[in-house]
Amino acid sequence: MLTHKVRTYSVHQPAPEMALYILSRGRNAGKPMFEPCPNCHIIYVRSTDELERYYWTFYAFWKQGFFHPHLCGSVIEMLRLCDLKTLM
């Protein structure tokens, strides 16, 4: 069960120090990143061990195309925040 806070990233708010960023738009939706971009979700983590564990878990899911059936949109596909929370 997910016990971490998950939010949508906003460029108008400062980025947290300990967080993993998940790309939310395009065919690469679900790809984990260490740096924020305008179209991503934030998973707040408590330690670097959790950060590494979540990063490699999401990387494996993204590489296998796990998120593709859950993308919505006809022109620009996107992974909704509620779908990400449900999948986690």
PDB file of N, CA and C in Angstrom:
ATOM      1  N   MET A   1       0.840  -1.181   0.000  1.00  0.00           N
ATOM      2  CA  MET A   1       0.000   0.000   0.000  1.00  0.00           C
ATOM      3  C   MET A   1       0.882   1.240   0.000  1.00  0.00           C
ATOM      4  N   LEU A   2       0.513   2.222  -0.776  1.00  0.00           N
ATOM      5  CA  LEU A   2       1.277   3.455  -0.871  1.00  0.00           C
ATOM      6  C   LEU A   2       1.043   4.320   0.363  1.00  0.00           C
ATOM      7  N   THR A   3       2.134   4.692   1.018  1.00  0.00           N
ATOM      8  CA  THR A   3       2.022   5.558   2.190  1.00  0.00           C
ATOM      9  C   THR A   3       2.688   6.901   1.949  1.00  0.00           C
ATOM     10  N   HIS A   4       3.156   7.137   0.734  1.00  0.00           N
ATOM     11  CA  HIS A   4       3.842   8.380   0.406  1.00  0.00           C
ATOM     12  C   HIS A   4       2.883   9.360  -0.261  1.00  0.00           C
ATOM     13  N   LYS A   5       3.222  10.629  -0.134  1.00  0.00           N
ATOM     14  CA  LYS A   5       2.410  11.671  -0.751  1.00  0.00           C
ATOM     15  C   LYS A   5       2.764  11.752  -2.240  1.00  0.00           C
ATOM     16  N   VAL A   6       1.742  11.804  -3.083  1.00  0.00           N
ATOM     17  CA  VAL A   6       1.916  11.911  -4.527  1.00  0.00           C
ATOM     18  C   VAL A   6       1.148  13.139  -4.993  1.00  0.00           C
ATOM     19  N   ARG A   7       1.823  14.011  -5.705  1.00  0.00           N
ATOM     20  CA  ARG A   7       1.221  15.252  -6.174  1.00  0.00           C
ATOM     21  C   ARG A   7       1.621  15.514  -7.624  1.00  0.00           C
ATOM     22  N   THR A   8       0.975  16.496  -8.233  1.00  0.00           N
ATOM     23  CA  THR A   8       1.358  16.965  -9.560  1.00  0.00           C
ATOM     24  C   THR A   8       2.362  18.094  -9.383  1.00  0.00           C
ATOM     25  N   TYR A   9       3.412  18.070 -10.163  1.00  0.00           N
ATOM     26  CA  TYR A   9       4.465  19.082 -10.055  1.00  0.00           C
ATOM     27  C   TYR A   9       3.989  20.408 -10.626  1.00  0.00           C
ATOM     28  N   SER A  10       4.349  21.483  -9.941  1.00  0.00           N
ATOM     29  CA  SER A  10       4.052  22.833 -10.406  1.00  0.00           C
ATOM     30  C   SER A  10       5.365  23.610 -10.466  1.00  0.00           C
ATOM     31  N   VAL A  11       5.603  24.262 -11.601  1.00  0.00           N
ATOM     32  CA  VAL A  11       6.840  25.027 -11.752  1.00  0.00           C
ATOM     33  C   VAL A  11       6.852  26.274 -10.870  1.00  0.00           C
ATOM     34  N   HIS A  12       5.701  26.655 -10.327  1.00  0.00           N
ATOM     35  CA  HIS A  12       5.599  27.852  -9.494  1.00  0.00           C
ATOM     36  C   HIS A  12       5.927  27.576  -8.030  1.00  0.00           C
ATOM     37  N   GLN A  13       6.065  26.318  -7.666  1.00  0.00           N
ATOM     38  CA  GLN A  13       6.410  25.952  -6.301  1.00  0.00           C
ATOM     39  C   GLN A  13       7.807  25.344  -6.284  1.00  0.00           C
ATOM     40  N   PRO A  14       8.537  25.503  -5.192  1.00  0.00           N
ATOM     41  CA  PRO A  14       9.886  24.938  -5.137  1.00  0.00           C
ATOM     42  C   PRO A  14       9.840  23.409  -5.139  1.00  0.00           C
ATOM     43  N   ALA A  15      10.830  22.814  -5.771  1.00  0.00           N
ATOM     44  CA  ALA A  15      10.906  21.350  -5.834  1.00  0.00           C
ATOM     45  C   ALA A  15      11.451  20.806  -4.514  1.00  0.00           C
ATOM     46  N   PRO A  16      10.877  19.729  -4.001  1.00  0.00           N
ATOM     47  CA  PRO A  16      11.384  19.151  -2.748  1.00  0.00           C
ATOM     48  C   PRO A  16      12.738  18.471  -2.958  1.00  0.00           C
ATOM     49  N   GLU A  17      13.507  18.345  -1.879  1.00  0.00           N
ATOM     50  CA  GLU A  17      14.824  17.718  -1.972  1.00  0.00           C
ATOM     51  C   GLU A  17      14.720  16.215  -2.206  1.00  0.00           C
ATOM     52  N   MET A  18      13.914  15.548  -1.408  1.00  0.00           N
ATOM     53  CA  MET A  18      13.786  14.095  -1.492  1.00  0.00           C
ATOM     54  C   MET A  18      12.498  13.731  -2.217  1.00  0.00           C
ATOM     55  N   ALA A  19      12.585  13.597  -3.530  1.00  0.00           N
ATOM     56  CA  ALA A  19      11.399  13.266  -4.317  1.00  0.00           C
ATOM     57  C   ALA A  19      11.819  12.582  -5.601  1.00  0.00           C
ATOM     58  N   LEU A  20      10.902  11.763  -6.099  1.00  0.00           N
ATOM     59  CA  LEU A  20      11.074  11.115  -7.394  1.00  0.00           C
ATOM     60  C   LEU A  20      10.019  11.701  -8.320  1.00  0.00           C
ATOM     61  N   TYR A  21      10.402  11.974  -9.543  1.00  0.00           N
ATOM     62  CA  TYR A  21       9.504  12.587 -10.511  1.00  0.00           C
ATOM     63  C   TYR A  21       9.135  11.556 -11.569  1.00  0.00           C
ATOM     64  N   ILE A  22       7.847  11.459 -11.870  1.00  0.00           N
ATOM     65  CA  ILE A  22       7.327  10.507 -12.842  1.00  0.00           C
ATOM     66  C   ILE A  22       6.720  11.300 -13.995  1.00  0.00           C
ATOM     67  N   LEU A  23       7.239  11.101 -15.192  1.00  0.00           N
ATOM     68  CA  LEU A  23       6.739  11.803 -16.371  1.00  0.00           C
ATOM     69  C   LEU A  23       5.273  11.441 -16.597  1.00  0.00           C
ATOM     70  N   SER A  24       4.446  12.443 -16.900  1.00  0.00           N
ATOM     71  CA  SER A  24       3.007  12.185 -17.001  1.00  0.00           C
ATOM     72  C   SER A  24       2.437  12.337 -18.410  1.00  0.00           C
ATOM     73  N   ARG A  25       3.211  12.842 -19.367  1.00  0.00           N
ATOM     74  CA  ARG A  25       2.668  13.046 -20.716  1.00  0.00           C
ATOM     75  C   ARG A  25       3.554  12.424 -21.771  1.00  0.00           C
ATOM     76  N   GLY A  26       2.895  12.013 -22.861  1.00  0.00           N
ATOM     77  CA  GLY A  26       3.617  11.458 -23.999  1.00  0.00           C
ATOM     78  C   GLY A  26       3.769   9.944 -23.901  1.00  0.00           C
ATOM     79  N   ARG A  27       4.434   9.367 -24.893  1.00  0.00           N
ATOM     80  CA  ARG A  27       4.629   7.911 -24.908  1.00  0.00           C
ATOM     81  C   ARG A  27       5.600   7.445 -23.837  1.00  0.00           C
ATOM     82  N   ASN A  28       6.345   8.364 -23.230  1.00  0.00           N
ATOM     83  CA  ASN A  28       7.257   8.009 -22.148  1.00  0.00           C
ATOM     84  C   ASN A  28       6.634   8.223 -20.775  1.00  0.00           C
ATOM     85  N   ALA A  29       5.335   8.362 -20.706  1.00  0.00           N
ATOM     86  CA  ALA A  29       4.661   8.552 -19.422  1.00  0.00           C
ATOM     87  C   ALA A  29       4.962   7.366 -18.517  1.00  0.00           C
ATOM     88  N   GLY A  30       5.276   7.671 -17.278  1.00  0.00           N
ATOM     89  CA  GLY A  30       5.649   6.653 -16.311  1.00  0.00           C
ATOM     90  C   GLY A  30       7.149   6.552 -16.115  1.00  0.00           C
ATOM     91  N   LYS A  31       7.910   7.257 -16.925  1.00  0.00           N
ATOM     92  CA  LYS A  31       9.370   7.212 -16.815  1.00  0.00           C
ATOM     93  C   LYS A  31       9.815   7.972 -15.567  1.00  0.00           C
ATOM     94  N   PRO A  32      10.626   7.350 -14.716  1.00  0.00           N
ATOM     95  CA  PRO A  32      11.099   8.037 -13.510  1.00  0.00           C
ATOM     96  C   PRO A  32      12.255   8.978 -13.821  1.00  0.00           C
ATOM     97  N   MET A  33      12.324  10.070 -13.059  1.00  0.00           N
ATOM     98  CA  MET A  33      13.383  11.064 -13.243  1.00  0.00           C
ATOM     99  C   MET A  33      13.804  11.592 -11.879  1.00  0.00           C
ATOM    100  N   PHE A  34      15.038  12.054 -11.795  1.00  0.00           N
ATOM    101  CA  PHE A  34      15.519  12.675 -10.563  1.00  0.00           C
ATOM    102  C   PHE A  34      15.347  14.186 -10.587  1.00  0.00           C
ATOM    103  N   GLU A  35      15.175  14.779 -11.753  1.00  0.00           N
ATOM    104  CA  GLU A  35      14.978  16.217 -11.903  1.00  0.00           C
ATOM    105  C   GLU A  35      13.554  16.487 -12.396  1.00  0.00           C
ATOM    106  N   PRO A  36      12.908  17.548 -11.901  1.00  0.00           N
ATOM    107  CA  PRO A  36      11.524  17.828 -12.323  1.00  0.00           C
ATOM    108  C   PRO A  36      11.453  18.417 -13.730  1.00  0.00           C
ATOM    109  N   CYS A  37      10.314  18.221 -14.356  1.00  0.00           N
ATOM    110  CA  CYS A  37       9.995  18.854 -15.626  1.00  0.00           C
ATOM    111  C   CYS A  37       8.531  19.309 -15.538  1.00  0.00           C
ATOM    112  N   PRO A  38       8.070  20.173 -16.429  1.00  0.00           N
ATOM    113  CA  PRO A  38       6.716  20.718 -16.308  1.00  0.00           C
ATOM    114  C   PRO A  38       5.599  19.668 -16.323  1.00  0.00           C
ATOM    115  N   ASN A  39       5.775  18.534 -16.982  1.00  0.00           N
ATOM    116  CA  ASN A  39       4.710  17.528 -17.082  1.00  0.00           C
ATOM    117  C   ASN A  39       5.083  16.278 -16.298  1.00  0.00           C
ATOM    118  N   CYS A  40       5.042  16.395 -14.966  1.00  0.00           N
ATOM    119  CA  CYS A  40       5.392  15.223 -14.169  1.00  0.00           C
ATOM    120  C   CYS A  40       4.623  15.210 -12.849  1.00  0.00           C
ATOM    121  N   HIS A  41       4.661  14.065 -12.207  1.00  0.00           N
ATOM    122  CA  HIS A  41       4.093  13.878 -10.876  1.00  0.00           C
ATOM    123  C   HIS A  41       5.251  13.718  -9.898  1.00  0.00           C
ATOM    124  N   ILE A  42       5.016  14.046  -8.642  1.00  0.00           N
ATOM    125  CA  ILE A  42       6.037  13.951  -7.606  1.00  0.00           C
ATOM    126  C   ILE A  42       5.647  12.861  -6.625  1.00  0.00           C
ATOM    127  N   ILE A  43       6.599  12.001  -6.288  1.00  0.00           N
ATOM    128  CA  ILE A  43       6.433  11.052  -5.187  1.00  0.00           C
ATOM    129  C   ILE A  43       7.434  11.469  -4.115  1.00  0.00           C
ATOM    130  N   TYR A  44       6.933  11.892  -2.978  1.00  0.00           N
ATOM    131  CA  TYR A  44       7.797  12.303  -1.879  1.00  0.00           C
ATOM    132  C   TYR A  44       8.315  11.063  -1.162  1.00  0.00           C
ATOM    133  N   VAL A  45       9.614  10.996  -0.934  1.00  0.00           N
ATOM    134  CA  VAL A  45      10.226   9.857  -0.241  1.00  0.00           C
ATOM    135  C   VAL A  45      10.965  10.364   0.991  1.00  0.00           C
ATOM    136  N   ARG A  46      11.293   9.421   1.884  1.00  0.00           N
ATOM    137  CA  ARG A  46      11.913   9.790   3.154  1.00  0.00           C
ATOM    138  C   ARG A  46      13.423   9.609   3.178  1.00  0.00           C
ATOM    139  N   SER A  47      13.953   8.724   2.322  1.00  0.00           N
ATOM    140  CA  SER A  47      15.394   8.456   2.362  1.00  0.00           C
ATOM    141  C   SER A  47      15.910   8.152   0.959  1.00  0.00           C
ATOM    142  N   THR A  48      17.215   8.124   0.833  1.00  0.00           N
ATOM    143  CA  THR A  48      17.823   7.817  -0.462  1.00  0.00           C
ATOM    144  C   THR A  48      17.604   6.355  -0.838  1.00  0.00           C
ATOM    145  N   ASP A  49      17.479   5.479   0.164  1.00  0.00           N
ATOM    146  CA  ASP A  49      17.191   4.067  -0.129  1.00  0.00           C
ATOM    147  C   ASP A  49      15.821   3.912  -0.777  1.00  0.00           C
ATOM    148  N   GLU A  50      14.828   4.603  -0.236  1.00  0.00           N
ATOM    149  CA  GLU A  50      13.489   4.574  -0.831  1.00  0.00           C
ATOM    150  C   GLU A  50      13.505   5.181  -2.227  1.00  0.00           C
ATOM    151  N   LEU A  51      14.260   6.252  -2.393  1.00  0.00           N
ATOM    152  CA  LEU A  51      14.362   6.909  -3.691  1.00  0.00           C
ATOM    153  C   LEU A  51      14.908   5.944  -4.738  1.00  0.00           C
ATOM    154  N   GLU A  52      15.973   5.240  -4.407  1.00  0.00           N
ATOM    155  CA  GLU A  52      16.553   4.264  -5.337  1.00  0.00           C
ATOM    156  C   GLU A  52      15.588   3.116  -5.607  1.00  0.00           C
ATOM    157  N   ARG A  53      14.930   2.615  -4.584  1.00  0.00           N
ATOM    158  CA  ARG A  53      14.004   1.497  -4.754  1.00  0.00           C
ATOM    159  C   ARG A  53      12.829   1.882  -5.659  1.00  0.00           C
ATOM    160  N   TYR A  54      12.241   3.052  -5.411  1.00  0.00           N
ATOM    161  CA  TYR A  54      11.134   3.511  -6.255  1.00  0.00           C
ATOM    162  C   TYR A  54      11.606   3.804  -7.674  1.00  0.00           C
ATOM    163  N   TYR A  55      12.802   4.390  -7.797  1.00  0.00           N
ATOM    164  CA  TYR A  55      13.306   4.703  -9.130  1.00  0.00           C
ATOM    165  C   TYR A  55      13.430   3.437  -9.969  1.00  0.00           C
ATOM    166  N   TRP A  56      14.069   2.414  -9.453  1.00  0.00           N
ATOM    167  CA  TRP A  56      14.291   1.203 -10.248  1.00  0.00           C
ATOM    168  C   TRP A  56      13.013   0.405 -10.463  1.00  0.00           C
ATOM    169  N   THR A  57      12.076   0.490  -9.527  1.00  0.00           N
ATOM    170  CA  THR A  57      10.783  -0.171  -9.725  1.00  0.00           C
ATOM    171  C   THR A  57      10.023   0.504 -10.863  1.00  0.00           C
ATOM    172  N   PHE A  58       9.948   1.829 -10.827  1.00  0.00           N
ATOM    173  CA  PHE A  58       9.262   2.550 -11.899  1.00  0.00           C
ATOM    174  C   PHE A  58       9.991   2.428 -13.221  1.00  0.00           C
ATOM    175  N   TYR A  59      11.309   2.355 -13.186  1.00  0.00           N
ATOM    176  CA  TYR A  59      12.067   2.202 -14.428  1.00  0.00           C
ATOM    177  C   TYR A  59      11.739   0.855 -15.084  1.00  0.00           C
ATOM    178  N   ALA A  60      11.651  -0.192 -14.277  1.00  0.00           N
ATOM    179  CA  ALA A  60      11.304  -1.509 -14.821  1.00  0.00           C
ATOM    180  C   ALA A  60       9.889  -1.504 -15.393  1.00  0.00           C
ATOM    181  N   PHE A  61       8.943  -0.894 -14.674  1.00  0.00           N
ATOM    182  CA  PHE A  61       7.575  -0.801 -15.179  1.00  0.00           C
ATOM    183  C   PHE A  61       7.524  -0.026 -16.492  1.00  0.00           C
ATOM    184  N   TRP A  62       8.223   1.112 -16.547  1.00  0.00           N
ATOM    185  CA  TRP A  62       8.222   1.942 -17.748  1.00  0.00           C
ATOM    186  C   TRP A  62       8.865   1.204 -18.918  1.00  0.00           C
ATOM    187  N   LYS A  63       9.972   0.528 -18.675  1.00  0.00           N
ATOM    188  CA  LYS A  63      10.694  -0.158 -19.746  1.00  0.00           C
ATOM    189  C   LYS A  63       9.845  -1.300 -20.332  1.00  0.00           C
ATOM    190  N   GLN A  64       9.038  -1.948 -19.519  1.00  0.00           N
ATOM    191  CA  GLN A  64       8.189  -3.045 -19.984  1.00  0.00           C
ATOM    192  C   GLN A  64       6.876  -2.569 -20.589  1.00  0.00           C
ATOM    193  N   GLY A  65       6.587  -1.277 -20.567  1.00  0.00           N
ATOM    194  CA  GLY A  65       5.356  -0.747 -21.143  1.00  0.00           C
ATOM    195  C   GLY A  65       4.141  -0.940 -20.261  1.00  0.00           C
ATOM    196  N   PHE A  66       4.369  -1.041 -18.953  1.00  0.00           N
ATOM    197  CA  PHE A  66       3.290  -1.292 -17.996  1.00  0.00           C
ATOM    198  C   PHE A  66       2.240  -0.179 -18.007  1.00  0.00           C
ATOM    199  N   PHE A  67       2.639   1.054 -18.263  1.00  0.00           N
ATOM    200  CA  PHE A  67       1.718   2.186 -18.187  1.00  0.00           C
ATOM    201  C   PHE A  67       0.947   2.431 -19.481  1.00  0.00           C
ATOM    202  N   HIS A  68       1.349   1.845 -20.587  1.00  0.00           N
ATOM    203  CA  HIS A  68       0.715   2.122 -21.879  1.00  0.00           C
ATOM    204  C   HIS A  68      -0.791   1.857 -21.900  1.00  0.00           C
ATOM    205  N   PRO A  69      -1.297   0.761 -21.326  1.00  0.00           N
ATOM    206  CA  PRO A  69      -2.763   0.568 -21.343  1.00  0.00           C
ATOM    207  C   PRO A  69      -3.526   1.595 -20.511  1.00  0.00           C
ATOM    208  N   HIS A  70      -2.844   2.307 -19.638  1.00  0.00           N
ATOM    209  CA  HIS A  70      -3.507   3.250 -18.741  1.00  0.00           C
ATOM    210  C   HIS A  70      -3.405   4.695 -19.220  1.00  0.00           C
ATOM    211  N   LEU A  71      -2.791   4.935 -20.353  1.00  0.00           N
ATOM    212  CA  LEU A  71      -2.674   6.290 -20.889  1.00  0.00           C
ATOM    213  C   LEU A  71      -3.995   6.708 -21.523  1.00  0.00           C
ATOM    214  N   CYS A  72      -4.373   7.954 -21.342  1.00  0.00           N
ATOM    215  CA  CYS A  72      -5.600   8.461 -21.954  1.00  0.00           C
ATOM    216  C   CYS A  72      -5.253   9.672 -22.809  1.00  0.00           C
ATOM    217  N   GLY A  73      -6.083   9.953 -23.779  1.00  0.00           N
ATOM    218  CA  GLY A  73      -5.854  11.071 -24.688  1.00  0.00           C
ATOM    219  C   GLY A  73      -5.625  10.565 -26.096  1.00  0.00           C
ATOM    220  N   SER A  74      -6.102  11.316 -27.060  1.00  0.00           N
ATOM    221  CA  SER A  74      -5.993  10.869 -28.441  1.00  0.00           C
ATOM    222  C   SER A  74      -4.783  11.459 -29.158  1.00  0.00           C
ATOM    223  N   VAL A  75      -4.402  12.672 -28.849  1.00  0.00           N
ATOM    224  CA  VAL A  75      -3.272  13.308 -29.520  1.00  0.00           C
ATOM    225  C   VAL A  75      -2.031  13.222 -28.639  1.00  0.00           C
ATOM    226  N   ILE A  76      -2.119  13.759 -27.438  1.00  0.00           N
ATOM    227  CA  ILE A  76      -1.026  13.669 -26.471  1.00  0.00           C
ATOM    228  C   ILE A  76      -1.516  12.783 -25.334  1.00  0.00           C
ATOM    229  N   GLU A  77      -0.914  11.633 -25.208  1.00  0.00           N
ATOM    230  CA  GLU A  77      -1.337  10.701 -24.170  1.00  0.00           C
ATOM    231  C   GLU A  77      -0.802  11.154 -22.825  1.00  0.00           C
ATOM    232  N   MET A  78      -1.564  10.858 -21.780  1.00  0.00           N
ATOM    233  CA  MET A  78      -1.119  11.251 -20.449  1.00  0.00           C
ATOM    234  C   MET A  78      -1.517  10.208 -19.420  1.00  0.00           C
ATOM    235  N   LEU A  79      -0.741  10.153 -18.366  1.00  0.00           N
ATOM    236  CA  LEU A  79      -1.004   9.282 -17.227  1.00  0.00           C
ATOM    237  C   LEU A  79      -1.605  10.148 -16.132  1.00  0.00           C
ATOM    238  N   ARG A  80      -2.863   9.888 -15.806  1.00  0.00           N
ATOM    239  CA  ARG A  80      -3.543  10.699 -14.801  1.00  0.00           C
ATOM    240  C   ARG A  80      -3.026  10.367 -13.410  1.00  0.00           C
ATOM    241  N   LEU A  81      -3.111  11.339 -12.512  1.00  0.00           N
ATOM    242  CA  LEU A  81      -2.641  11.167 -11.146  1.00  0.00           C
ATOM    243  C   LEU A  81      -3.424  10.077 -10.423  1.00  0.00           C
ATOM    244  N   CYS A  82      -4.730  10.032 -10.622  1.00  0.00           N
ATOM    245  CA  CYS A  82      -5.542   9.009  -9.953  1.00  0.00           C
ATOM    246  C   CYS A  82      -5.177   7.615 -10.447  1.00  0.00           C
ATOM    247  N   ASP A  83      -4.840   7.478 -11.728  1.00  0.00           N
ATOM    248  CA  ASP A  83      -4.413   6.180 -12.255  1.00  0.00           C
ATOM    249  C   ASP A  83      -3.061   5.780 -11.675  1.00  0.00           C
ATOM    250  N   LEU A  84      -2.155   6.738 -11.540  1.00  0.00           N
ATOM    251  CA  LEU A  84      -0.846   6.444 -10.953  1.00  0.00           C
ATOM    252  C   LEU A  84      -0.990   5.964  -9.521  1.00  0.00           C
ATOM    253  N   LYS A  85      -1.841   6.626  -8.761  1.00  0.00           N
ATOM    254  CA  LYS A  85      -2.069   6.212  -7.364  1.00  0.00           C
ATOM    255  C   LYS A  85      -2.668   4.818  -7.293  1.00  0.00           C
ATOM    256  N   THR A  86      -3.609   4.522  -8.185  1.00  0.00           N
ATOM    257  CA  THR A  86      -4.240   3.208  -8.202  1.00  0.00           C
ATOM    258  C   THR A  86      -3.246   2.118  -8.582  1.00  0.00           C
ATOM    259  N   LEU A  87      -2.391   2.391  -9.543  1.00  0.00           N
ATOM    260  CA  LEU A  87      -1.416   1.403  -9.993  1.00  0.00           C
ATOM    261  C   LEU A  87      -0.328   1.130  -8.972  1.00  0.00           C
ATOM    262  N   MET A  88      -0.048   2.117  -8.139  1.00  0.00           N
ATOM    263  CA  MET A  88       0.982   1.941  -7.129  1.00  0.00           C
ATOM    264  C   MET A  88       0.473   1.081  -6.007  1.00  0.00           C
TER     265      MET A  88
END
